[in-house]
């Protein structure tokens, strides 16, 4: 089964180490973006995955395609056109200082895509699963309509659809997000979120949870998931990542998978973070891999959390943890001992 992801990939520029942007004399360049991160993660797990986007015809975009291909992602469905790739600057946080992201993505190639540019049948050829995030339709009404076209085609073909809500206040308002995402979620089978995104997009919050204070209740998220599925009866699973932020450097990390008649919490990991960008995407990739492989709820949520726990130890957007590494951590080996 081929797993398709659709969205934007950007050039990520970051100061070396933990310098602030105001201190930087040079920037390290890597690539990243929600749906591309999912495809790269899936490819490392051994899945057959393709990334669909629109990139300009220039050397930076060529490098990006080469990078994706090098990680095992099928890039044959990428459209070429437009004038530029989006850029984002990432300043990594440490201790009590939070990370900061600055976007420079106006007029990016994907933001100027139109529904008629995308051949949905070709994009979904051989697909059994389609994944997108709430970032993609936030890029503009034209992108939202292109996403809708792809989702409709996916449903006609019987393709499973997953979505990570991923609300970005720098891209659109809560009102815009709720209106657009409410239509798109009518085509979704598996929804991935956290409390903040669920509250911002759908106006629903978990009781007995304090994000800033680091107190999260798995039981409350079970009730929250039930509310989401009441709003969208087509959704079969809602997965919530539970991040207890003790500082920018230390988080407790777990998740809960809510089905129609079952709530399945995961174990909790204490993370000493190298790079948290892409952490949610690696969780999504792990969940997609597990569910598409036929794993039961308990195994699926543990696999997804283990995959994303490993991502927090990896520099850059992409999670390059192998299937073997994920299964080892999932099995309880978090010793970090040298492998010889």
Protein backbone atom coordinates (compact mmCIF):
# COMPACT_ATOMS: atom_id res chain seq x y z
CA UNK A 1 0.00 0.00 0.00
CA UNK A 2 1.29 3.44 -0.92
CA UNK A 3 0.96 6.24 1.64
CA UNK A 4 0.60 9.72 0.11
CA UNK A 5 1.26 12.97 1.96
CA UNK A 6 0.30 16.40 0.60
CA UNK A 7 1.59 19.76 1.78
CA UNK A 8 4.43 22.28 1.88
CA UNK A 9 8.11 21.67 2.42
CA UNK A 10 10.36 24.61 3.28
CA UNK A 11 13.99 25.50 3.60
CA UNK A 12 14.84 25.66 7.31
CA UNK A 13 17.57 28.07 8.36
CA UNK A 14 18.84 27.93 11.95
CA UNK A 15 21.75 29.33 13.93
CA UNK A 16 24.35 26.74 14.84
CA UNK A 17 23.92 25.20 18.28
CA UNK A 18 21.67 27.15 20.59
CA UNK A 19 22.58 30.64 19.41
CA UNK A 20 19.81 33.16 18.99
CA UNK A 21 19.06 34.65 15.58
CA UNK A 22 20.47 38.00 16.75
CA UNK A 23 23.78 36.24 17.54
CA UNK A 24 24.04 34.25 14.32
CA UNK A 25 26.83 34.86 11.84
CA UNK A 26 25.89 31.82 9.75
CA UNK A 27 22.86 29.58 9.36
CA UNK A 28 22.61 25.83 8.93
CA UNK A 29 20.28 24.85 6.08
CA UNK A 30 18.01 21.79 6.12
CA UNK A 31 14.54 21.05 4.75
CA UNK A 32 11.32 20.36 6.60
CA UNK A 33 7.56 20.58 6.62
CA UNK A 34 4.74 18.65 8.26
CA UNK A 35 3.69 16.25 5.54
CA UNK A 36 7.21 15.81 4.13
CA UNK A 37 8.40 14.94 7.63
CA UNK A 38 5.75 12.23 7.79
CA UNK A 39 6.82 10.76 4.44
CA UNK A 40 10.51 10.68 5.43
CA UNK A 41 9.67 9.02 8.76
CA UNK A 42 7.49 6.43 7.04
CA UNK A 43 10.21 5.64 4.52
CA UNK A 44 12.66 4.88 7.36
CA UNK A 45 10.12 2.44 8.76
CA UNK A 46 10.03 0.66 5.41
CA UNK A 47 6.74 2.04 4.12
CA UNK A 48 6.09 2.86 0.45
CA UNK A 49 5.43 6.59 0.59
CA UNK A 50 5.15 9.51 -1.84
CA UNK A 51 5.11 13.24 -1.16
CA UNK A 52 2.94 15.57 -3.24
CA UNK A 53 3.67 19.29 -3.33
CA UNK A 54 4.58 22.11 -5.74
CA UNK A 55 8.15 23.38 -6.00
CA UNK A 56 9.80 25.94 -8.29
CA UNK A 57 12.26 25.09 -11.05
CA UNK A 58 15.49 26.14 -9.38
CA UNK A 59 18.57 24.64 -7.74
CA UNK A 60 17.25 24.97 -4.17
CA UNK A 61 14.14 22.98 -5.06
CA UNK A 62 16.28 20.47 -6.96
CA UNK A 63 18.35 19.97 -3.81
CA UNK A 64 15.16 19.48 -1.80
CA UNK A 65 13.89 16.79 -4.19
CA UNK A 66 17.27 15.07 -4.09
CA UNK A 67 17.19 15.11 -0.28
CA UNK A 68 13.73 13.55 -0.14
CA UNK A 69 14.67 10.94 -2.72
CA UNK A 70 17.79 10.13 -0.74
CA UNK A 71 15.64 9.29 2.29
CA UNK A 72 13.55 6.90 0.20
CA UNK A 73 10.54 9.10 -0.57
CA UNK A 74 8.85 8.85 -3.99
CA UNK A 75 9.12 12.36 -5.46
CA UNK A 76 7.66 11.59 -8.89
CA UNK A 77 4.32 13.25 -8.05
CA UNK A 78 5.82 16.65 -7.14
CA UNK A 79 4.58 19.46 -9.38
CA UNK A 80 7.08 22.06 -10.58
CA UNK A 81 6.24 25.73 -11.06
CA UNK A 82 6.05 29.05 -9.23
CA UNK A 83 8.90 31.29 -8.18
CA UNK A 84 10.16 30.21 -4.74
CA UNK A 85 10.21 27.80 -1.83
CA UNK A 86 9.04 28.96 1.55
CA UNK A 87 11.69 29.56 4.22
CA UNK A 88 11.50 29.41 7.98
CA UNK A 89 14.04 30.47 10.57
CA UNK A 90 14.20 28.29 13.68
CA UNK A 91 15.74 29.46 16.93
CA UNK A 92 16.00 26.45 19.26
CA UNK A 93 15.00 27.01 22.87
CA UNK A 94 16.91 25.85 25.91
CA UNK A 95 15.80 25.61 29.54
CA UNK A 96 13.31 28.38 30.35
CA UNK A 97 13.80 30.02 26.92
CA UNK A 98 11.24 28.83 24.39
CA UNK A 99 11.98 28.00 20.77
CA UNK A 100 10.96 30.59 18.19
CA UNK A 101 10.01 30.27 14.52
CA UNK A 102 9.89 33.05 11.92
CA UNK A 103 8.20 32.31 8.59
CA UNK A 104 9.12 33.72 5.18
CA UNK A 105 6.73 31.80 2.97
CA UNK A 106 4.61 34.40 1.14
CA UNK A 107 4.15 33.56 -2.56
CA UNK A 108 5.72 30.13 -2.20
CA UNK A 109 5.04 27.73 -5.07
CA UNK A 110 2.62 25.57 -3.08
CA UNK A 111 0.72 28.60 -1.76
CA UNK A 112 -0.09 29.55 -5.37
CA UNK A 113 -1.32 26.12 -6.42
CA UNK A 114 -4.84 25.89 -7.89
CA UNK A 115 -7.16 22.86 -7.97
CA UNK A 116 -6.87 22.55 -11.76
CA UNK A 117 -3.07 22.13 -11.47
CA UNK A 118 -3.40 18.90 -9.52
CA UNK A 119 -4.38 15.64 -11.20
CA UNK A 120 -5.94 13.94 -8.17
CA UNK A 121 -6.15 10.56 -9.87
CA UNK A 122 -2.44 10.59 -10.70
CA UNK A 123 -1.52 11.86 -7.23
CA UNK A 124 -3.45 9.01 -5.60
CA UNK A 125 -2.44 6.21 -7.96
CA UNK A 126 -1.93 3.03 -5.93
CA UNK A 127 -2.68 4.83 -2.67
CA UNK A 128 -4.24 3.21 0.37
CA UNK A 129 -3.68 6.15 2.73
CA UNK A 130 -3.58 9.96 2.37
CA UNK A 131 -2.24 12.33 5.02
CA UNK A 132 -2.39 16.12 5.32
CA UNK A 133 -2.17 18.71 8.10
CA UNK A 134 -4.07 21.86 9.02
CA UNK A 135 -1.06 23.87 7.89
CA UNK A 136 -1.73 23.14 4.22
CA UNK A 137 -5.24 24.62 3.82
CA UNK A 138 -4.11 27.57 5.97
CA UNK A 139 -1.82 28.69 3.13
CA UNK A 140 -4.75 30.15 1.19
CA UNK A 141 -8.27 29.47 -0.05
CA UNK A 142 -6.85 28.08 -3.30
CA UNK A 143 -4.76 25.56 -1.35
CA UNK A 144 -7.76 24.63 0.80
CA UNK A 145 -9.79 23.95 -2.35
CA UNK A 146 -6.96 21.87 -3.80
CA UNK A 147 -6.85 19.87 -0.56
CA UNK A 148 -10.61 19.38 -0.72
CA UNK A 149 -10.34 18.11 -4.30
CA UNK A 150 -7.74 15.55 -3.22
CA UNK A 151 -9.82 14.43 -0.23
CA UNK A 152 -12.93 13.94 -2.34
CA UNK A 153 -10.97 11.84 -4.82
CA UNK A 154 -9.50 9.82 -1.95
CA UNK A 155 -12.94 9.04 -0.53
CA UNK A 156 -14.20 7.98 -3.97
CA UNK A 157 -11.27 5.55 -4.20
CA UNK A 158 -11.75 4.19 -0.67
CA UNK A 159 -8.45 5.64 0.57
CA UNK A 160 -8.04 6.09 4.34
CA UNK A 161 -7.45 9.77 5.22
CA UNK A 162 -5.59 11.12 8.25
CA UNK A 163 -5.14 14.71 9.38
CA UNK A 164 -2.99 16.44 11.99
CA UNK A 165 -4.88 19.62 13.03
CA UNK A 166 -1.64 21.62 13.50
CA UNK A 167 -3.17 25.09 14.04
CA UNK A 168 -0.82 27.95 13.15
CA UNK A 169 -1.94 31.36 14.41
CA UNK A 170 0.57 33.08 12.12
CA UNK A 171 -1.28 31.70 9.08
CA UNK A 172 -4.98 32.18 9.84
CA UNK A 173 -7.52 33.04 12.52
CA UNK A 174 -9.37 30.55 14.68
CA UNK A 175 -12.59 31.45 12.88
CA UNK A 176 -11.06 30.77 9.46
CA UNK A 177 -9.55 27.52 10.70
CA UNK A 178 -12.82 26.24 12.15
CA UNK A 179 -14.81 27.03 8.99
CA UNK A 180 -12.33 25.43 6.59
CA UNK A 181 -11.26 22.48 8.70
CA UNK A 182 -14.84 21.57 9.60
CA UNK A 183 -15.50 20.87 5.93
CA UNK A 184 -12.25 18.97 5.39
CA UNK A 185 -12.68 16.87 8.54
CA UNK A 186 -15.82 15.42 7.01
CA UNK A 187 -13.48 13.27 4.87
CA UNK A 188 -11.08 12.23 7.63
CA UNK A 189 -10.86 8.76 9.23
CA UNK A 190 -7.98 9.35 11.69
CA UNK A 191 -7.47 12.70 13.43
CA UNK A 192 -4.27 13.66 15.26
CA UNK A 193 -4.21 16.62 17.61
CA UNK A 194 -3.21 18.07 20.95
CA UNK A 195 -5.34 20.08 23.35
CA UNK A 196 -4.22 23.46 22.06
CA UNK A 197 -5.01 22.68 18.42
CA UNK A 198 -8.33 21.07 19.29
CA UNK A 199 -9.36 24.11 21.29
CA UNK A 200 -8.16 26.61 18.68
CA UNK A 201 -9.76 24.86 15.69
CA UNK A 202 -12.84 23.12 17.10
CA UNK A 203 -13.45 25.07 20.31
CA UNK A 204 -13.16 21.90 22.41
CA UNK A 205 -10.86 21.51 25.42
CA UNK A 206 -9.92 18.71 27.80
CA UNK A 207 -11.01 19.11 31.39
CA UNK A 208 -8.55 18.68 34.27
CA UNK A 209 -5.54 19.58 32.11
CA UNK A 210 -3.06 22.44 32.45
CA UNK A 211 -0.68 22.69 29.48
CA UNK A 212 1.49 25.45 30.94
CA UNK A 213 1.63 23.83 34.36
CA UNK A 214 2.45 20.45 32.86
CA UNK A 215 -0.62 18.55 34.13
CA UNK A 216 -2.46 16.43 31.55
CA UNK A 217 -5.20 13.86 32.12
CA UNK A 218 -5.53 10.87 29.76
CA UNK A 219 -9.10 10.32 30.96
CA UNK A 220 -10.03 13.89 30.06
CA UNK A 221 -8.63 13.37 26.58
CA UNK A 222 -10.80 10.27 26.21
CA UNK A 223 -13.86 12.43 26.82
CA UNK A 224 -12.50 15.08 24.46
CA UNK A 225 -12.04 12.52 21.70
CA UNK A 226 -15.63 11.37 22.13
CA UNK A 227 -16.81 14.97 21.65
CA UNK A 228 -14.78 15.25 18.44
CA UNK A 229 -16.30 12.05 17.07
CA UNK A 230 -19.76 13.31 17.96
CA UNK A 231 -19.06 16.34 15.77
CA UNK A 232 -17.57 14.20 12.97
CA UNK A 233 -19.08 10.67 13.03
CA UNK A 234 -16.88 9.64 10.08
CA UNK A 235 -13.76 9.83 12.29
CA UNK A 236 -12.82 6.37 13.59
CA UNK A 237 -9.86 7.36 15.78
CA UNK A 238 -8.69 10.53 17.49
CA UNK A 239 -5.10 10.49 18.75
CA UNK A 240 -3.86 13.12 21.20
CA UNK A 241 -0.21 13.78 21.96
CA UNK A 242 0.29 14.76 25.60
CA UNK A 243 3.27 17.04 26.13
CA UNK A 244 4.07 18.09 29.69
CA UNK A 245 6.51 20.98 29.19
CA UNK A 246 8.74 21.13 32.24
CA UNK A 247 11.07 23.40 30.25
CA UNK A 248 12.14 23.87 26.62
CA UNK A 249 14.73 21.14 27.24
CA UNK A 250 12.80 18.61 29.33
CA UNK A 251 9.33 17.30 28.48
CA UNK A 252 7.21 14.37 29.54
CA UNK A 253 5.74 12.79 26.41
CA UNK A 254 2.87 10.38 25.99
CA UNK A 255 -0.35 9.97 24.01
CA UNK A 256 -3.82 8.54 24.05
CA UNK A 257 -5.75 6.87 21.22
CA UNK A 258 -9.53 7.28 21.36
CA UNK A 259 -11.73 4.93 19.37
CA UNK A 260 -15.51 4.62 19.17
CA UNK A 261 -15.67 2.43 22.28
CA UNK A 262 -12.13 2.32 23.67
CA UNK A 263 -9.56 4.72 25.14
CA UNK A 264 -5.94 3.53 25.00
CA UNK A 265 -3.23 5.55 26.82
CA UNK A 266 0.48 5.02 26.18
CA UNK A 267 3.43 4.85 28.53
CA UNK A 268 5.14 8.14 29.37
CA UNK A 269 8.69 9.11 28.34
CA UNK A 270 10.83 11.77 29.97
CA UNK A 271 12.63 13.52 27.12
CA UNK A 272 15.83 15.56 27.16
CA UNK A 273 15.27 17.39 23.91
CA UNK A 274 17.76 17.93 21.10
CA UNK A 275 15.17 19.24 18.59
CA UNK A 276 11.41 19.11 19.10
CA UNK A 277 10.43 20.41 15.64
CA UNK A 278 8.80 17.53 13.79
CA UNK A 279 7.96 15.66 16.99
CA UNK A 280 4.25 15.62 16.22
CA UNK A 281 4.90 14.63 12.61
CA UNK A 282 6.95 11.63 13.72
CA UNK A 283 4.09 10.61 15.99
CA UNK A 284 1.70 10.86 13.06
CA UNK A 285 4.00 8.76 10.89
CA UNK A 286 4.28 6.12 13.61
CA UNK A 287 0.52 5.96 14.04
CA UNK A 288 -0.09 5.74 10.29
CA UNK A 289 2.49 2.98 9.94
CA UNK A 290 1.05 1.02 12.87
CA UNK A 291 -2.61 1.31 11.89
CA UNK A 292 -1.96 0.66 8.20
CA UNK A 293 0.04 -2.42 9.22
CA UNK A 294 -2.94 -3.81 11.12
CA UNK A 295 -1.58 -3.28 14.64
CA UNK A 296 -4.09 -3.22 17.50
CA UNK A 297 -4.76 -0.02 19.44
CA UNK A 298 -2.34 -0.76 22.30
CA UNK A 299 0.55 -1.58 20.00
CA UNK A 300 -0.26 1.27 17.60
CA UNK A 301 -0.18 4.02 20.22
CA UNK A 302 2.98 2.65 21.87
CA UNK A 303 4.72 2.45 18.49
CA UNK A 304 3.75 6.04 17.61
CA UNK A 305 4.92 7.44 20.96
CA UNK A 306 8.22 5.55 20.79
CA UNK A 307 8.87 6.83 17.26
CA UNK A 308 8.23 10.42 18.29
CA UNK A 309 10.26 10.08 21.49
CA UNK A 310 13.26 9.12 19.34
CA UNK A 311 12.66 12.09 17.02
CA UNK A 312 13.19 14.50 19.91
CA UNK A 313 16.80 13.25 20.04
CA UNK A 314 17.44 13.99 16.33
CA UNK A 315 18.52 17.30 14.79
CA UNK A 316 16.37 18.70 11.98
CA UNK A 317 12.76 18.15 10.95
CA UNK A 318 13.12 14.58 9.73
CA UNK A 319 12.89 11.56 12.03
CA UNK A 320 15.54 9.15 10.76
CA UNK A 321 14.94 6.50 13.41
CA UNK A 322 14.75 2.98 11.99
CA UNK A 323 11.99 0.46 12.54
CA UNK A 324 14.38 -1.63 14.64
CA UNK A 325 15.24 1.34 16.90
CA UNK A 326 11.57 2.19 17.41
CA UNK A 327 10.65 -1.39 18.27
CA UNK A 328 13.56 -1.60 20.70
CA UNK A 329 12.49 1.51 22.58
CA UNK A 330 8.87 0.40 22.45
CA UNK A 331 9.97 -2.87 24.06
CA UNK A 332 11.39 -1.00 27.06
CA UNK A 333 15.08 -0.44 26.24
CA UNK A 334 15.64 3.26 26.89
CA UNK A 335 19.15 2.80 28.30
CA UNK A 336 20.91 4.72 25.53
CA UNK A 337 23.83 2.28 25.74
CA UNK A 338 26.29 2.22 22.82
CA UNK A 339 25.27 -0.35 20.22
CA UNK A 340 28.31 -2.41 19.16
